[in-house]
Amino acid sequence: MDKSLYPLKFTPLMKNKIWGGDKIKSVLGIDFDPLENCGELWVLSGIEGEETPVANGFLEEATLPELIEMYSDELLGEDIFTKYYNAFPLLLKIIDANDDLSIQVHPDDKYAQRQGFLNGKTEMWYIIDSEGGLITSGFRSQVTKAKVINAIRDNKLTELLNIEPAFADDVFYIPSGTIHAIGKGVLLAEIQQSSDLTYRLYDYDRTDANGNKRELHLADAIEVLDLSSVVSTAKHHYHNHLNHTHNILEAPYFITNAVFLNMQEGLCKDYSQLDSCVIYFCVGGSANIQSMNTLSHIKAGETLLLPAIAKDATIFPEGKVKILEIIPL
């Protein structure tokens, strides 16, 4: 049997959250039964104990760490494999906020590694759907640690924050150290470093089914908080035209491009000069993708991982499709 690599699909992990809703089912058409809600859909993860298994081909049920062990730089690319070795560098999610998420911050790599973790968390959000939803990111004016601590004590933290409306196709960039929160009514795609490390500053005094409040992490949060993140808008503006590839964001850990298509003949992508795997993250519609002598189908909420040895791909949209093309760095 041929044991060579091919484009890989994955089975997502579905997570019930105190703030989760039903948009992953009602908007994206992904059934999360028997969960009461699905606040997070982890669509591509190599985090230990939270791996998304392969869903297609002879590698079905294999995890990303197992794939890296088997194929190393053929899967990741030589530079990415050298940099991350046996760890997959990114974590991709869908988040459905049926209530306001906690106000939080993520550490950078150095702080996370001092705490025994592999890396910190820088991330970006692409808004899939928003019903009057708000995004919090950064401060509205210059603050000090003392001012933040006093505002938390007095339940006035939101008065210090930059809060703005979110609309479909908006992009927000959240570097490590940036105070942030996702507001009620927002459905988004999240691209981030492979980390689940979050420090909560405020959670609206919510309790779970047992009456317990969620843990806050004030000491760590205040320590890693970037007090210079004063912004008038956190939206990351980008150009986009149908049937072309347009860069959305180039962060230190990944490049994200918009590939929004409705062309019957398909769009050809040349990866012959790229030494990296490529992830297609479908955020609307559906498409067939021809690559490595394999035809793969993806729809909203799904990913397709093209190994680094893939030289090209052709995307054939079914009607209109929105794909985020992601390249790890």
C-alpha atoms as a PDB file:
ATOM      1  CA  MET A   1       0.000   0.000   0.000  1.00  0.00           C
ATOM      2  CA  ASP A   2       1.190   3.505  -0.852  1.00  0.00           C
ATOM      3  CA  LYS A   3       2.314   5.169   2.399  1.00  0.00           C
ATOM      4  CA  SER A   4       3.002   8.616   0.978  1.00  0.00           C
ATOM      5  CA  LEU A   5       1.454  11.743   2.440  1.00  0.00           C
ATOM      6  CA  TYR A   6      -1.701  13.363   1.073  1.00  0.00           C
ATOM      7  CA  PRO A   7      -3.994  16.308   1.975  1.00  0.00           C
ATOM      8  CA  LEU A   8      -5.286  15.692   5.492  1.00  0.00           C
ATOM      9  CA  LYS A   9      -8.694  16.374   7.017  1.00  0.00           C
ATOM     10  CA  PHE A  10      -9.323  16.199  10.765  1.00  0.00           C
ATOM     11  CA  THR A  11     -12.110  15.358  13.179  1.00  0.00           C
ATOM     12  CA  PRO A  12     -12.803  18.408  15.372  1.00  0.00           C
ATOM     13  CA  LEU A  13     -13.096  18.501  19.153  1.00  0.00           C
ATOM     14  CA  MET A  14     -16.347  19.990  20.466  1.00  0.00           C
ATOM     15  CA  LYS A  15     -16.312  21.851  23.761  1.00  0.00           C
ATOM     16  CA  ASN A  16     -19.248  22.836  25.950  1.00  0.00           C
ATOM     17  CA  LYS A  17     -18.686  26.266  27.518  1.00  0.00           C
ATOM     18  CA  ILE A  18     -20.645  28.268  30.095  1.00  0.00           C
ATOM     19  CA  TRP A  19     -20.921  31.034  27.467  1.00  0.00           C
ATOM     20  CA  GLY A  20     -21.411  28.821  24.381  1.00  0.00           C
ATOM     21  CA  GLY A  21     -24.364  28.831  21.987  1.00  0.00           C
ATOM     22  CA  ASP A  22     -25.759  27.020  18.946  1.00  0.00           C
ATOM     23  CA  LYS A  23     -24.310  28.976  15.993  1.00  0.00           C
ATOM     24  CA  ILE A  24     -21.808  26.251  15.192  1.00  0.00           C
ATOM     25  CA  LYS A  25     -24.889  24.197  14.315  1.00  0.00           C
ATOM     26  CA  SER A  26     -27.305  26.891  13.064  1.00  0.00           C
ATOM     27  CA  VAL A  27     -24.790  28.934  11.017  1.00  0.00           C
ATOM     28  CA  LEU A  28     -22.114  26.382  10.068  1.00  0.00           C
ATOM     29  CA  GLY A  29     -24.277  23.260   9.996  1.00  0.00           C
ATOM     30  CA  ILE A  30     -22.020  21.263  12.310  1.00  0.00           C
ATOM     31  CA  ASP A  31     -23.916  18.955  14.671  1.00  0.00           C
ATOM     32  CA  PHE A  32     -22.477  18.969  18.195  1.00  0.00           C
ATOM     33  CA  ASP A  33     -24.935  16.547  19.831  1.00  0.00           C
ATOM     34  CA  PRO A  34     -25.041  15.422  22.604  1.00  0.00           C
ATOM     35  CA  LEU A  35     -23.560  18.666  23.990  1.00  0.00           C
ATOM     36  CA  GLU A  36     -26.013  21.287  25.242  1.00  0.00           C
ATOM     37  CA  ASN A  37     -23.994  23.954  23.461  1.00  0.00           C
ATOM     38  CA  CYS A  38     -20.696  24.246  21.651  1.00  0.00           C
ATOM     39  CA  GLY A  39     -18.670  27.273  22.642  1.00  0.00           C
ATOM     40  CA  GLU A  40     -15.480  26.094  20.954  1.00  0.00           C
ATOM     41  CA  LEU A  41     -14.813  23.818  18.019  1.00  0.00           C
ATOM     42  CA  TRP A  42     -11.137  22.895  17.889  1.00  0.00           C
ATOM     43  CA  VAL A  43     -10.702  22.184  14.196  1.00  0.00           C
ATOM     44  CA  LEU A  44      -6.934  21.585  14.159  1.00  0.00           C
ATOM     45  CA  SER A  45      -4.935  20.859  17.290  1.00  0.00           C
ATOM     46  CA  GLY A  46      -1.742  19.089  18.267  1.00  0.00           C
ATOM     47  CA  ILE A  47      -1.950  20.015  21.961  1.00  0.00           C
ATOM     48  CA  GLU A  48      -1.237  17.028  24.197  1.00  0.00           C
ATOM     49  CA  GLY A  49      -4.478  15.365  25.236  1.00  0.00           C
ATOM     50  CA  GLU A  50      -6.456  17.621  22.884  1.00  0.00           C
ATOM     51  CA  GLU A  51      -5.326  16.316  19.494  1.00  0.00           C
ATOM     52  CA  THR A  52      -7.646  16.349  16.484  1.00  0.00           C
ATOM     53  CA  PRO A  53      -7.304  12.973  14.709  1.00  0.00           C
ATOM     54  CA  VAL A  54      -7.013  12.555  10.949  1.00  0.00           C
ATOM     55  CA  ALA A  55     -10.409  11.873   9.370  1.00  0.00           C
ATOM     56  CA  ASN A  56      -9.460  10.620   5.893  1.00  0.00           C
ATOM     57  CA  GLY A  57      -7.234   8.071   4.159  1.00  0.00           C
ATOM     58  CA  PHE A  58      -4.968   5.387   5.551  1.00  0.00           C
ATOM     59  CA  LEU A  59      -3.699   7.747   8.269  1.00  0.00           C
ATOM     60  CA  GLU A  60      -7.191   8.000   9.789  1.00  0.00           C
ATOM     61  CA  GLU A  61      -7.090   8.423  13.608  1.00  0.00           C
ATOM     62  CA  ALA A  62      -3.425   9.483  13.589  1.00  0.00           C
ATOM     63  CA  THR A  63      -2.681  12.665  15.563  1.00  0.00           C
ATOM     64  CA  LEU A  64      -0.494  15.580  14.542  1.00  0.00           C
ATOM     65  CA  PRO A  65       2.372  14.577  16.882  1.00  0.00           C
ATOM     66  CA  GLU A  66       2.256  11.068  15.388  1.00  0.00           C
ATOM     67  CA  LEU A  67       2.253  12.470  11.858  1.00  0.00           C
ATOM     68  CA  ILE A  68       5.238  14.677  12.655  1.00  0.00           C
ATOM     69  CA  GLU A  69       7.098  11.694  14.110  1.00  0.00           C
ATOM     70  CA  MET A  70       6.429   9.716  10.915  1.00  0.00           C
ATOM     71  CA  TYR A  71       6.971  12.393   8.277  1.00  0.00           C
ATOM     72  CA  SER A  72       8.841  15.284   9.990  1.00  0.00           C
ATOM     73  CA  ASP A  73       9.885  17.875   7.388  1.00  0.00           C
ATOM     74  CA  GLU A  74       7.827  16.252   4.607  1.00  0.00           C
ATOM     75  CA  LEU A  75       4.778  17.324   6.579  1.00  0.00           C
ATOM     76  CA  LEU A  76       5.914  20.602   8.140  1.00  0.00           C
ATOM     77  CA  GLY A  77       8.737  21.819   5.932  1.00  0.00           C
ATOM     78  CA  GLU A  78      12.406  21.825   6.871  1.00  0.00           C
ATOM     79  CA  ASP A  79      12.475  25.221   8.613  1.00  0.00           C
ATOM     80  CA  ILE A  80       9.254  24.662  10.551  1.00  0.00           C
ATOM     81  CA  PHE A  81      10.360  21.195  11.664  1.00  0.00           C
ATOM     82  CA  THR A  82      13.743  22.555  12.785  1.00  0.00           C
ATOM     83  CA  LYS A  83      12.036  25.351  14.733  1.00  0.00           C
ATOM     84  CA  TYR A  84       9.262  23.338  16.413  1.00  0.00           C
ATOM     85  CA  TYR A  85      10.566  19.749  16.132  1.00  0.00           C
ATOM     86  CA  ASN A  86       7.748  17.429  17.247  1.00  0.00           C
ATOM     87  CA  ALA A  87       5.161  20.134  18.035  1.00  0.00           C
ATOM     88  CA  PHE A  88       2.578  21.428  15.579  1.00  0.00           C
ATOM     89  CA  PRO A  89       2.922  25.232  15.741  1.00  0.00           C
ATOM     90  CA  LEU A  90      -0.710  26.384  15.448  1.00  0.00           C
ATOM     91  CA  LEU A  91      -4.134  25.820  16.986  1.00  0.00           C
ATOM     92  CA  LEU A  92      -7.271  26.643  14.980  1.00  0.00           C
ATOM     93  CA  LYS A  93     -10.735  27.084  16.505  1.00  0.00           C
ATOM     94  CA  ILE A  94     -14.265  28.256  15.888  1.00  0.00           C
ATOM     95  CA  ILE A  95     -15.660  30.240  18.838  1.00  0.00           C
ATOM     96  CA  ASP A  96     -19.369  30.921  19.398  1.00  0.00           C
ATOM     97  CA  ALA A  97     -19.996  33.519  22.088  1.00  0.00           C
ATOM     98  CA  ASN A  98     -23.615  33.286  23.259  1.00  0.00           C
ATOM     99  CA  ASP A  99     -22.539  35.437  26.211  1.00  0.00           C
ATOM    100  CA  ASP A 100     -19.614  37.748  26.898  1.00  0.00           C
ATOM    101  CA  LEU A 101     -16.335  35.893  27.342  1.00  0.00           C
ATOM    102  CA  SER A 102     -14.034  36.751  30.207  1.00  0.00           C
ATOM    103  CA  ILE A 103     -11.654  39.704  29.949  1.00  0.00           C
ATOM    104  CA  GLN A 104      -8.258  38.068  29.623  1.00  0.00           C
ATOM    105  CA  VAL A 105      -4.675  38.250  28.427  1.00  0.00           C
ATOM    106  CA  HIS A 106      -2.150  35.760  27.043  1.00  0.00           C
ATOM    107  CA  PRO A 107       1.562  35.613  27.902  1.00  0.00           C
ATOM    108  CA  ASP A 108       4.411  35.844  25.416  1.00  0.00           C
ATOM    109  CA  ASP A 109       6.806  32.966  24.758  1.00  0.00           C
ATOM    110  CA  LYS A 110       9.392  33.945  27.376  1.00  0.00           C
ATOM    111  CA  TYR A 111       6.890  34.236  30.220  1.00  0.00           C
ATOM    112  CA  ALA A 112       5.089  31.013  29.235  1.00  0.00           C
ATOM    113  CA  GLN A 113       8.370  29.099  29.069  1.00  0.00           C
ATOM    114  CA  ARG A 114       9.345  30.333  32.531  1.00  0.00           C
ATOM    115  CA  GLN A 115       6.078  28.766  33.719  1.00  0.00           C
ATOM    116  CA  GLY A 116       6.956  25.435  32.067  1.00  0.00           C
ATOM    117  CA  PHE A 117       4.919  25.802  28.847  1.00  0.00           C
ATOM    118  CA  LEU A 118       6.237  25.517  25.296  1.00  0.00           C
ATOM    119  CA  ASN A 119       5.088  28.927  24.123  1.00  0.00           C
ATOM    120  CA  GLY A 120       2.744  31.828  24.710  1.00  0.00           C
ATOM    121  CA  LYS A 121      -0.223  32.841  22.629  1.00  0.00           C
ATOM    122  CA  THR A 122      -0.530  35.393  19.854  1.00  0.00           C
ATOM    123  CA  GLU A 123      -3.740  35.078  17.855  1.00  0.00           C
ATOM    124  CA  MET A 124      -6.032  36.597  15.242  1.00  0.00           C
ATOM    125  CA  TRP A 125      -9.805  36.530  14.839  1.00  0.00           C
ATOM    126  CA  TYR A 126     -11.800  36.450  11.629  1.00  0.00           C
ATOM    127  CA  ILE A 127     -15.452  37.329  12.256  1.00  0.00           C
ATOM    128  CA  ILE A 128     -17.771  34.824  10.568  1.00  0.00           C
ATOM    129  CA  ASP A 129     -21.049  36.194  11.950  1.00  0.00           C
ATOM    130  CA  SER A 130     -22.035  38.878  14.424  1.00  0.00           C
ATOM    131  CA  GLU A 131     -25.397  39.855  15.871  1.00  0.00           C
ATOM    132  CA  GLY A 132     -24.539  43.217  17.389  1.00  0.00           C
ATOM    133  CA  GLY A 133     -21.428  41.694  18.905  1.00  0.00           C
ATOM    134  CA  LEU A 134     -18.590  43.679  20.433  1.00  0.00           C
ATOM    135  CA  ILE A 135     -14.866  43.029  20.534  1.00  0.00           C
ATOM    136  CA  THR A 136     -12.624  44.255  23.346  1.00  0.00           C
ATOM    137  CA  SER A 137      -8.961  44.762  22.531  1.00  0.00           C
ATOM    138  CA  GLY A 138      -6.486  47.098  24.207  1.00  0.00           C
ATOM    139  CA  PHE A 139      -7.031  50.196  26.322  1.00  0.00           C
ATOM    140  CA  ARG A 140      -8.791  53.380  25.256  1.00  0.00           C
ATOM    141  CA  SER A 141      -6.151  55.564  26.950  1.00  0.00           C
ATOM    142  CA  GLN A 142      -2.871  55.201  28.813  1.00  0.00           C
ATOM    143  CA  VAL A 143      -3.128  53.266  32.088  1.00  0.00           C
ATOM    144  CA  THR A 144      -0.900  52.005  34.883  1.00  0.00           C
ATOM    145  CA  LYS A 145      -0.905  48.662  36.654  1.00  0.00           C
ATOM    146  CA  ALA A 146      -2.339  50.365  39.731  1.00  0.00           C
ATOM    147  CA  LYS A 147      -5.186  51.834  37.708  1.00  0.00           C
ATOM    148  CA  VAL A 148      -6.023  48.435  36.227  1.00  0.00           C
ATOM    149  CA  ILE A 149      -5.925  46.744  39.649  1.00  0.00           C
ATOM    150  CA  ASN A 150      -8.174  49.401  41.176  1.00  0.00           C
ATOM    151  CA  ALA A 151     -10.617  49.132  38.273  1.00  0.00           C
ATOM    152  CA  ILE A 152     -10.848  45.362  38.741  1.00  0.00           C
ATOM    153  CA  ARG A 153     -11.450  45.810  42.478  1.00  0.00           C
ATOM    154  CA  ASP A 154     -14.205  48.368  41.805  1.00  0.00           C
ATOM    155  CA  ASN A 155     -15.820  46.363  38.944  1.00  0.00           C
ATOM    156  CA  LYS A 156     -14.978  49.169  36.523  1.00  0.00           C
ATOM    157  CA  LEU A 157     -12.419  47.456  34.296  1.00  0.00           C
ATOM    158  CA  THR A 158     -14.552  47.804  31.157  1.00  0.00           C
ATOM    159  CA  GLU A 159     -14.402  51.595  31.504  1.00  0.00           C
ATOM    160  CA  LEU A 160     -10.686  51.442  30.641  1.00  0.00           C
ATOM    161  CA  LEU A 161     -11.012  49.251  27.569  1.00  0.00           C
ATOM    162  CA  ASN A 162     -11.294  49.784  23.827  1.00  0.00           C
ATOM    163  CA  ILE A 163     -14.614  48.196  22.869  1.00  0.00           C
ATOM    164  CA  GLU A 164     -15.987  48.318  19.310  1.00  0.00           C
ATOM    165  CA  PRO A 165     -18.579  46.588  17.120  1.00  0.00           C
ATOM    166  CA  ALA A 166     -17.656  43.517  15.117  1.00  0.00           C
ATOM    167  CA  PHE A 167     -19.065  42.758  11.671  1.00  0.00           C
ATOM    168  CA  ALA A 168     -18.734  39.773   9.340  1.00  0.00           C
ATOM    169  CA  ASP A 169     -15.321  39.639   7.595  1.00  0.00           C
ATOM    170  CA  ASP A 170     -13.682  41.907  10.191  1.00  0.00           C
ATOM    171  CA  VAL A 171     -10.224  40.836  11.359  1.00  0.00           C
ATOM    172  CA  PHE A 172      -8.730  41.531  14.786  1.00  0.00           C
ATOM    173  CA  TYR A 173      -5.079  40.897  15.679  1.00  0.00           C
ATOM    174  CA  ILE A 174      -4.405  40.026  19.331  1.00  0.00           C
ATOM    175  CA  PRO A 175      -0.659  39.878  20.100  1.00  0.00           C
ATOM    176  CA  SER A 176       0.407  38.340  23.395  1.00  0.00           C
ATOM    177  CA  GLY A 177       0.028  40.819  26.253  1.00  0.00           C
ATOM    178  CA  THR A 178      -3.065  42.483  24.765  1.00  0.00           C
ATOM    179  CA  ILE A 179      -6.102  42.654  27.058  1.00  0.00           C
ATOM    180  CA  HIS A 180      -9.101  41.352  25.112  1.00  0.00           C
ATOM    181  CA  ALA A 181     -12.538  39.731  25.144  1.00  0.00           C
ATOM    182  CA  ILE A 182     -15.114  38.402  22.693  1.00  0.00           C
ATOM    183  CA  GLY A 183     -18.623  39.788  23.116  1.00  0.00           C
ATOM    184  CA  LYS A 184     -22.017  38.122  23.035  1.00  0.00           C
ATOM    185  CA  GLY A 185     -23.315  37.422  19.520  1.00  0.00           C
ATOM    186  CA  VAL A 186     -19.952  36.854  17.803  1.00  0.00           C
ATOM    187  CA  LEU A 187     -19.028  33.738  15.837  1.00  0.00           C
ATOM    188  CA  LEU A 188     -15.391  33.751  14.783  1.00  0.00           C
ATOM    189  CA  ALA A 189     -12.478  31.725  13.475  1.00  0.00           C
ATOM    190  CA  GLU A 190      -9.376  31.879  15.636  1.00  0.00           C
ATOM    191  CA  ILE A 191      -5.816  31.263  14.454  1.00  0.00           C
ATOM    192  CA  GLN A 192      -3.248  31.144  17.224  1.00  0.00           C
ATOM    193  CA  GLN A 193      -0.047  29.700  18.516  1.00  0.00           C
ATOM    194  CA  SER A 194      -0.461  26.188  19.808  1.00  0.00           C
ATOM    195  CA  SER A 195      -1.284  27.048  23.404  1.00  0.00           C
ATOM    196  CA  ASP A 196      -4.281  26.951  25.713  1.00  0.00           C
ATOM    197  CA  LEU A 197      -2.711  29.333  28.223  1.00  0.00           C
ATOM    198  CA  THR A 198      -5.066  32.124  29.307  1.00  0.00           C
ATOM    199  CA  TYR A 199      -5.009  34.491  32.287  1.00  0.00           C
ATOM    200  CA  ARG A 200      -8.439  35.864  33.276  1.00  0.00           C
ATOM    201  CA  LEU A 201      -8.750  39.318  34.820  1.00  0.00           C
ATOM    202  CA  TYR A 202     -12.537  39.514  35.097  1.00  0.00           C
ATOM    203  CA  ASP A 203     -15.431  37.111  34.451  1.00  0.00           C
ATOM    204  CA  TYR A 204     -18.527  39.149  35.389  1.00  0.00           C
ATOM    205  CA  ASP A 205     -18.851  37.179  38.658  1.00  0.00           C
ATOM    206  CA  ARG A 206     -20.443  34.291  36.754  1.00  0.00           C
ATOM    207  CA  THR A 207     -20.936  30.896  38.375  1.00  0.00           C
ATOM    208  CA  ASP A 208     -21.180  27.418  36.896  1.00  0.00           C
ATOM    209  CA  ALA A 209     -23.973  24.891  37.459  1.00  0.00           C
ATOM    210  CA  ASN A 210     -22.542  24.173  40.905  1.00  0.00           C
ATOM    211  CA  GLY A 211     -22.411  27.828  41.918  1.00  0.00           C
ATOM    212  CA  ASN A 212     -18.642  28.071  41.560  1.00  0.00           C
ATOM    213  CA  LYS A 213     -16.939  31.096  40.040  1.00  0.00           C
ATOM    214  CA  ARG A 214     -14.262  30.463  37.435  1.00  0.00           C
ATOM    215  CA  GLU A 215     -10.689  30.974  38.530  1.00  0.00           C
ATOM    216  CA  LEU A 216      -9.048  34.333  37.932  1.00  0.00           C
ATOM    217  CA  HIS A 217      -5.295  34.720  37.400  1.00  0.00           C
ATOM    218  CA  LEU A 218      -4.693  38.293  38.472  1.00  0.00           C
ATOM    219  CA  ALA A 219      -1.026  38.093  39.440  1.00  0.00           C
ATOM    220  CA  ASP A 220       0.033  36.463  36.160  1.00  0.00           C
ATOM    221  CA  ALA A 221      -2.333  38.628  34.115  1.00  0.00           C
ATOM    222  CA  ILE A 222      -1.038  41.896  35.552  1.00  0.00           C
ATOM    223  CA  GLU A 223       2.538  40.701  35.081  1.00  0.00           C
ATOM    224  CA  VAL A 224       2.143  39.985  31.336  1.00  0.00           C
ATOM    225  CA  LEU A 225      -0.242  42.841  30.505  1.00  0.00           C
ATOM    226  CA  ASP A 226       0.975  45.179  27.756  1.00  0.00           C
ATOM    227  CA  LEU A 227       0.003  48.575  29.139  1.00  0.00           C
ATOM    228  CA  SER A 228       1.074  50.268  25.901  1.00  0.00           C
ATOM    229  CA  SER A 229      -1.703  48.621  23.866  1.00  0.00           C
ATOM    230  CA  VAL A 230      -3.693  51.846  23.557  1.00  0.00           C
ATOM    231  CA  VAL A 231      -5.752  51.857  20.346  1.00  0.00           C
ATOM    232  CA  SER A 232      -8.598  53.736  18.685  1.00  0.00           C
ATOM    233  CA  THR A 233      -9.515  50.604  16.747  1.00  0.00           C
ATOM    234  CA  ALA A 234      -8.219  47.057  16.984  1.00  0.00           C
ATOM    235  CA  LYS A 235      -9.544  46.098  13.556  1.00  0.00           C
ATOM    236  CA  HIS A 236      -6.872  44.974  11.115  1.00  0.00           C
ATOM    237  CA  HIS A 237      -7.768  46.400   7.720  1.00  0.00           C
ATOM    238  CA  TYR A 238      -7.071  44.385   4.594  1.00  0.00           C
ATOM    239  CA  HIS A 239      -7.963  44.427   0.908  1.00  0.00           C
ATOM    240  CA  ASN A 240      -9.962  41.607  -0.586  1.00  0.00           C
ATOM    241  CA  HIS A 241     -11.345  40.932  -4.049  1.00  0.00           C
ATOM    242  CA  LEU A 242     -13.095  37.800  -5.271  1.00  0.00           C
ATOM    243  CA  ASN A 243     -11.029  35.178  -7.098  1.00  0.00           C
ATOM    244  CA  HIS A 244      -7.646  36.427  -5.925  1.00  0.00           C
ATOM    245  CA  THR A 245      -5.368  35.721  -2.983  1.00  0.00           C
ATOM    246  CA  HIS A 246      -4.952  38.684  -0.643  1.00  0.00           C
ATOM    247  CA  ASN A 247      -2.824  38.897   2.465  1.00  0.00           C
ATOM    248  CA  ILE A 248      -4.824  39.549   5.623  1.00  0.00           C
ATOM    249  CA  LEU A 249      -2.099  39.444   8.225  1.00  0.00           C
ATOM    250  CA  GLU A 250       1.550  38.541   8.639  1.00  0.00           C
ATOM    251  CA  ALA A 251       2.244  37.858  12.307  1.00  0.00           C
ATOM    252  CA  PRO A 252       5.472  36.507  13.841  1.00  0.00           C
ATOM    253  CA  TYR A 253       4.039  32.982  13.909  1.00  0.00           C
ATOM    254  CA  PHE A 254       1.811  32.711  10.839  1.00  0.00           C
ATOM    255  CA  ILE A 255       0.700  34.313   7.598  1.00  0.00           C
ATOM    256  CA  THR A 256      -3.019  34.422   6.822  1.00  0.00           C
ATOM    257  CA  ASN A 257      -4.387  35.113   3.350  1.00  0.00           C
ATOM    258  CA  ALA A 258      -7.970  35.510   2.151  1.00  0.00           C
ATOM    259  CA  VAL A 259      -9.000  33.269  -0.742  1.00  0.00           C
ATOM    260  CA  PHE A 260     -12.642  34.119  -1.471  1.00  0.00           C
ATOM    261  CA  LEU A 261     -13.834  32.535  -4.719  1.00  0.00           C
ATOM    262  CA  ASN A 262     -16.821  32.013  -6.990  1.00  0.00           C
ATOM    263  CA  MET A 263     -15.032  31.068 -10.241  1.00  0.00           C
ATOM    264  CA  GLN A 264     -16.119  27.871 -11.994  1.00  0.00           C
ATOM    265  CA  GLU A 265     -12.697  27.146 -13.474  1.00  0.00           C
ATOM    266  CA  GLY A 266     -11.029  27.134 -10.074  1.00  0.00           C
ATOM    267  CA  LEU A 267      -7.997  28.959  -8.700  1.00  0.00           C
ATOM    268  CA  CYS A 268      -4.549  27.399  -9.099  1.00  0.00           C
ATOM    269  CA  LYS A 269      -2.063  27.821  -6.256  1.00  0.00           C
ATOM    270  CA  ASP A 270       1.684  27.292  -6.760  1.00  0.00           C
ATOM    271  CA  TYR A 271       3.560  26.099  -3.655  1.00  0.00           C
ATOM    272  CA  SER A 272       6.680  24.827  -5.434  1.00  0.00           C
ATOM    273  CA  GLN A 273       8.880  27.498  -3.798  1.00  0.00           C
ATOM    274  CA  LEU A 274       7.297  27.239  -0.336  1.00  0.00           C
ATOM    275  CA  ASP A 275       9.039  25.205   2.368  1.00  0.00           C
ATOM    276  CA  SER A 276       6.038  24.863   4.675  1.00  0.00           C
ATOM    277  CA  CYS A 277       2.754  23.098   5.067  1.00  0.00           C
ATOM    278  CA  VAL A 278      -0.371  25.101   4.176  1.00  0.00           C
ATOM    279  CA  ILE A 279      -3.686  25.036   6.015  1.00  0.00           C
ATOM    280  CA  TYR A 280      -6.981  25.806   4.326  1.00  0.00           C
ATOM    281  CA  PHE A 281      -9.527  26.951   6.922  1.00  0.00           C
ATOM    282  CA  CYS A 282     -12.979  27.207   5.334  1.00  0.00           C
ATOM    283  CA  VAL A 283     -15.059  29.963   6.958  1.00  0.00           C
ATOM    284  CA  GLY A 284     -17.958  30.042   4.521  1.00  0.00           C
ATOM    285  CA  GLY A 285     -19.386  27.939   1.704  1.00  0.00           C
ATOM    286  CA  SER A 286     -17.643  24.836   0.381  1.00  0.00           C
ATOM    287  CA  ALA A 287     -15.084  23.751  -2.211  1.00  0.00           C
ATOM    288  CA  ASN A 288     -13.295  20.825  -3.779  1.00  0.00           C
ATOM    289  CA  ILE A 289      -9.513  20.976  -3.682  1.00  0.00           C
ATOM    290  CA  GLN A 290      -7.277  19.058  -6.055  1.00  0.00           C
ATOM    291  CA  SER A 291      -3.733  18.460  -4.783  1.00  0.00           C
ATOM    292  CA  MET A 292      -1.225  15.592  -4.677  1.00  0.00           C
ATOM    293  CA  ASN A 293      -3.453  13.531  -7.027  1.00  0.00           C
ATOM    294  CA  THR A 294      -6.239  13.711  -4.451  1.00  0.00           C
ATOM    295  CA  LEU A 295      -9.598  15.491  -4.554  1.00  0.00           C
ATOM    296  CA  SER A 296     -10.690  16.741  -1.126  1.00  0.00           C
ATOM    297  CA  HIS A 297     -13.894  18.464  -0.087  1.00  0.00           C
ATOM    298  CA  ILE A 298     -14.129  21.069   2.659  1.00  0.00           C
ATOM    299  CA  LYS A 299     -16.997  23.146   3.952  1.00  0.00           C
ATOM    300  CA  ALA A 300     -17.442  25.907   6.513  1.00  0.00           C
ATOM    301  CA  GLY A 301     -15.840  25.003   9.836  1.00  0.00           C
ATOM    302  CA  GLU A 302     -13.405  22.471   8.345  1.00  0.00           C
ATOM    303  CA  THR A 303      -9.690  22.506   7.593  1.00  0.00           C
ATOM    304  CA  LEU A 304      -7.462  20.821   5.062  1.00  0.00           C
ATOM    305  CA  LEU A 305      -3.732  20.453   5.740  1.00  0.00           C
ATOM    306  CA  LEU A 306      -1.516  20.347   2.659  1.00  0.00           C
ATOM    307  CA  PRO A 307       1.859  18.766   3.516  1.00  0.00           C
ATOM    308  CA  ALA A 308       5.002  20.740   2.735  1.00  0.00           C
ATOM    309  CA  ILE A 309       5.769  18.373  -0.141  1.00  0.00           C
ATOM    310  CA  ALA A 310       2.595  19.490  -1.952  1.00  0.00           C
ATOM    311  CA  LYS A 311       3.715  21.543  -4.959  1.00  0.00           C
ATOM    312  CA  ASP A 312       0.361  22.978  -5.982  1.00  0.00           C
ATOM    313  CA  ALA A 313      -3.381  22.944  -5.440  1.00  0.00           C
ATOM    314  CA  THR A 314      -6.482  23.973  -7.355  1.00  0.00           C
ATOM    315  CA  ILE A 315      -9.532  25.212  -5.463  1.00  0.00           C
ATOM    316  CA  PHE A 316     -12.916  24.670  -7.113  1.00  0.00           C
ATOM    317  CA  PRO A 317     -15.632  26.585  -5.217  1.00  0.00           C
ATOM    318  CA  GLU A 318     -19.154  25.254  -4.966  1.00  0.00           C
ATOM    319  CA  GLY A 319     -20.887  28.578  -5.508  1.00  0.00           C
ATOM    320  CA  LYS A 320     -19.032  31.059  -3.298  1.00  0.00           C
ATOM    321  CA  VAL A 321     -16.441  29.924  -0.791  1.00  0.00           C
ATOM    322  CA  LYS A 322     -14.372  31.768   1.803  1.00  0.00           C
ATOM    323  CA  ILE A 323     -11.067  30.151   2.721  1.00  0.00           C
ATOM    324  CA  LEU A 324      -8.328  31.408   5.031  1.00  0.00           C
ATOM    325  CA  GLU A 325      -4.984  30.221   3.672  1.00  0.00           C
ATOM    326  CA  ILE A 326      -2.604  29.864   6.625  1.00  0.00           C
ATOM    327  CA  ILE A 327       1.151  29.359   6.483  1.00  0.00           C
ATOM    328  CA  PRO A 328       3.014  28.660   9.760  1.00  0.00           C
ATOM    329  CA  LEU A 329       6.215  30.604  10.394  1.00  0.00           C
END
